[in-house]
């Protein structure tokens, strides 16, 4: 299954553009939230999504910064979810253009 993750940092921002891109990429299930990416532990939908995806699923994001805010943050996420991320991550922009 193609699974999408969309995130904006504040409640005043709009998720529609990201969700539209993820739907266009064929995502059947999309997790979204309006939370700062500053701390992965505050991102409830991210955690639920990581528990949801299974072997054979592909995780789509619209930009790498929707998954993490910094290289250090990405490193910490990778340490926690490395096996899952390597098997499932696909960036929408790259997938659509390659």
C-alpha atoms as a PDB file:
ATOM      1  CA  UNK A   1       0.000   0.000   0.000  1.00  0.00           C
ATOM      2  CA  UNK A   2       1.178   3.536  -0.691  1.00  0.00           C
ATOM      3  CA  UNK A   3       1.102   5.457   2.593  1.00  0.00           C
ATOM      4  CA  UNK A   4       1.523   9.236   2.802  1.00  0.00           C
ATOM      5  CA  UNK A   5       2.644  11.557   5.560  1.00  0.00           C
ATOM      6  CA  UNK A   6       1.816  15.276   5.503  1.00  0.00           C
ATOM      7  CA  UNK A   7       2.753  17.796   8.158  1.00  0.00           C
ATOM      8  CA  UNK A   8       2.592  21.527   8.649  1.00  0.00           C
ATOM      9  CA  UNK A   9       4.150  23.296  11.602  1.00  0.00           C
ATOM     10  CA  UNK A  10       1.273  25.467  12.794  1.00  0.00           C
ATOM     11  CA  UNK A  11      -2.506  25.240  12.912  1.00  0.00           C
ATOM     12  CA  UNK A  12      -2.775  28.300  10.646  1.00  0.00           C
ATOM     13  CA  UNK A  13      -1.000  26.486   7.777  1.00  0.00           C
ATOM     14  CA  UNK A  14      -2.839  24.362   5.225  1.00  0.00           C
ATOM     15  CA  UNK A  15      -2.272  20.653   4.573  1.00  0.00           C
ATOM     16  CA  UNK A  16      -4.285  20.539   1.324  1.00  0.00           C
ATOM     17  CA  UNK A  17      -1.378  20.928  -1.120  1.00  0.00           C
ATOM     18  CA  UNK A  18       0.606  18.112   0.466  1.00  0.00           C
ATOM     19  CA  UNK A  19      -2.434  15.852   0.679  1.00  0.00           C
ATOM     20  CA  UNK A  20      -3.275  16.507  -2.984  1.00  0.00           C
ATOM     21  CA  UNK A  21       0.291  15.590  -3.999  1.00  0.00           C
ATOM     22  CA  UNK A  22       0.179  12.411  -1.933  1.00  0.00           C
ATOM     23  CA  UNK A  23      -3.174  11.419  -3.448  1.00  0.00           C
ATOM     24  CA  UNK A  24      -1.780  12.090  -6.931  1.00  0.00           C
ATOM     25  CA  UNK A  25       1.117   9.767  -6.103  1.00  0.00           C
ATOM     26  CA  UNK A  26      -1.400   7.005  -5.372  1.00  0.00           C
ATOM     27  CA  UNK A  27      -1.422   7.059  -1.577  1.00  0.00           C
ATOM     28  CA  UNK A  28      -4.354   5.042  -0.244  1.00  0.00           C
ATOM     29  CA  UNK A  29      -3.794   6.016   3.395  1.00  0.00           C
ATOM     30  CA  UNK A  30      -2.553   9.453   4.446  1.00  0.00           C
ATOM     31  CA  UNK A  31      -1.523  10.486   7.933  1.00  0.00           C
ATOM     32  CA  UNK A  32      -1.471  14.217   8.547  1.00  0.00           C
ATOM     33  CA  UNK A  33      -0.956  16.579  11.421  1.00  0.00           C
ATOM     34  CA  UNK A  34      -0.467  20.191  12.319  1.00  0.00           C
ATOM     35  CA  UNK A  35       2.469  19.908  14.681  1.00  0.00           C
ATOM     36  CA  UNK A  36       5.927  21.360  14.852  1.00  0.00           C
ATOM     37  CA  UNK A  37       8.551  18.946  13.607  1.00  0.00           C
ATOM     38  CA  UNK A  38      10.876  20.183  16.333  1.00  0.00           C
ATOM     39  CA  UNK A  39      10.224  17.160  18.503  1.00  0.00           C
ATOM     40  CA  UNK A  40       9.283  13.805  16.986  1.00  0.00           C
ATOM     41  CA  UNK A  41       7.831  12.665  20.321  1.00  0.00           C
ATOM     42  CA  UNK A  42       5.016  15.266  19.973  1.00  0.00           C
ATOM     43  CA  UNK A  43       3.965  13.965  16.542  1.00  0.00           C
ATOM     44  CA  UNK A  44       1.218  11.456  17.349  1.00  0.00           C
ATOM     45  CA  UNK A  45       0.209  10.771  13.728  1.00  0.00           C
ATOM     46  CA  UNK A  46       3.844  10.118  12.795  1.00  0.00           C
ATOM     47  CA  UNK A  47       4.092   7.439  15.478  1.00  0.00           C
ATOM     48  CA  UNK A  48       0.769   5.889  14.448  1.00  0.00           C
ATOM     49  CA  UNK A  49       1.893   5.863  10.805  1.00  0.00           C
ATOM     50  CA  UNK A  50       5.203   4.186  11.636  1.00  0.00           C
ATOM     51  CA  UNK A  51       3.308   1.463  13.508  1.00  0.00           C
ATOM     52  CA  UNK A  52       0.828   1.145  10.630  1.00  0.00           C
ATOM     53  CA  UNK A  53       3.165   0.508   7.698  1.00  0.00           C
ATOM     54  CA  UNK A  54       4.002  -3.099   6.850  1.00  0.00           C
ATOM     55  CA  UNK A  55       6.247  -5.052   4.527  1.00  0.00           C
ATOM     56  CA  UNK A  56       5.494  -4.065   0.956  1.00  0.00           C
ATOM     57  CA  UNK A  57       4.170  -0.612   1.866  1.00  0.00           C
ATOM     58  CA  UNK A  58       5.815   2.530   0.488  1.00  0.00           C
ATOM     59  CA  UNK A  59       5.953   5.719   2.570  1.00  0.00           C
ATOM     60  CA  UNK A  60       5.560   8.949   0.579  1.00  0.00           C
ATOM     61  CA  UNK A  61       6.394  12.476   1.716  1.00  0.00           C
ATOM     62  CA  UNK A  62       6.251  15.671  -0.314  1.00  0.00           C
ATOM     63  CA  UNK A  63       9.562  17.029   1.023  1.00  0.00           C
ATOM     64  CA  UNK A  64      12.195  15.665   3.321  1.00  0.00           C
ATOM     65  CA  UNK A  65      11.605  18.530   5.760  1.00  0.00           C
ATOM     66  CA  UNK A  66       8.087  17.230   6.377  1.00  0.00           C
ATOM     67  CA  UNK A  67       9.677  14.131   7.895  1.00  0.00           C
ATOM     68  CA  UNK A  68      12.377  15.932   9.883  1.00  0.00           C
ATOM     69  CA  UNK A  69      13.532  19.488  10.560  1.00  0.00           C
ATOM     70  CA  UNK A  70      17.265  18.892  10.660  1.00  0.00           C
ATOM     71  CA  UNK A  71      19.959  16.332   9.967  1.00  0.00           C
ATOM     72  CA  UNK A  72      20.150  15.614  13.694  1.00  0.00           C
ATOM     73  CA  UNK A  73      16.385  15.076  13.837  1.00  0.00           C
ATOM     74  CA  UNK A  74      16.549  12.787  10.795  1.00  0.00           C
ATOM     75  CA  UNK A  75      19.384  10.866  12.437  1.00  0.00           C
ATOM     76  CA  UNK A  76      17.327  10.389  15.620  1.00  0.00           C
ATOM     77  CA  UNK A  77      14.297   9.244  13.636  1.00  0.00           C
ATOM     78  CA  UNK A  78      16.486   6.895  11.622  1.00  0.00           C
ATOM     79  CA  UNK A  79      17.924   5.383  14.807  1.00  0.00           C
ATOM     80  CA  UNK A  80      14.404   4.682  16.047  1.00  0.00           C
ATOM     81  CA  UNK A  81      12.872   3.511  12.770  1.00  0.00           C
ATOM     82  CA  UNK A  82      15.822   2.686  10.490  1.00  0.00           C
ATOM     83  CA  UNK A  83      14.580  -0.666   9.242  1.00  0.00           C
ATOM     84  CA  UNK A  84      11.084   0.667   8.571  1.00  0.00           C
ATOM     85  CA  UNK A  85      12.278   3.857   6.853  1.00  0.00           C
ATOM     86  CA  UNK A  86      14.781   2.145   4.567  1.00  0.00           C
ATOM     87  CA  UNK A  87      12.150  -0.305   3.393  1.00  0.00           C
ATOM     88  CA  UNK A  88       9.357   2.199   2.913  1.00  0.00           C
ATOM     89  CA  UNK A  89      10.500   5.790   2.218  1.00  0.00           C
ATOM     90  CA  UNK A  90       9.811   7.434  -1.136  1.00  0.00           C
ATOM     91  CA  UNK A  91       9.850  11.183  -1.668  1.00  0.00           C
ATOM     92  CA  UNK A  92       6.933  12.246  -3.873  1.00  0.00           C
ATOM     93  CA  UNK A  93       8.894  14.800  -5.916  1.00  0.00           C
ATOM     94  CA  UNK A  94      11.597  12.280  -6.764  1.00  0.00           C
ATOM     95  CA  UNK A  95       9.116   9.511  -7.484  1.00  0.00           C
ATOM     96  CA  UNK A  96       7.043  11.658  -9.838  1.00  0.00           C
ATOM     97  CA  UNK A  97      10.055  13.055 -11.733  1.00  0.00           C
ATOM     98  CA  UNK A  98      12.395  10.048 -11.958  1.00  0.00           C
END
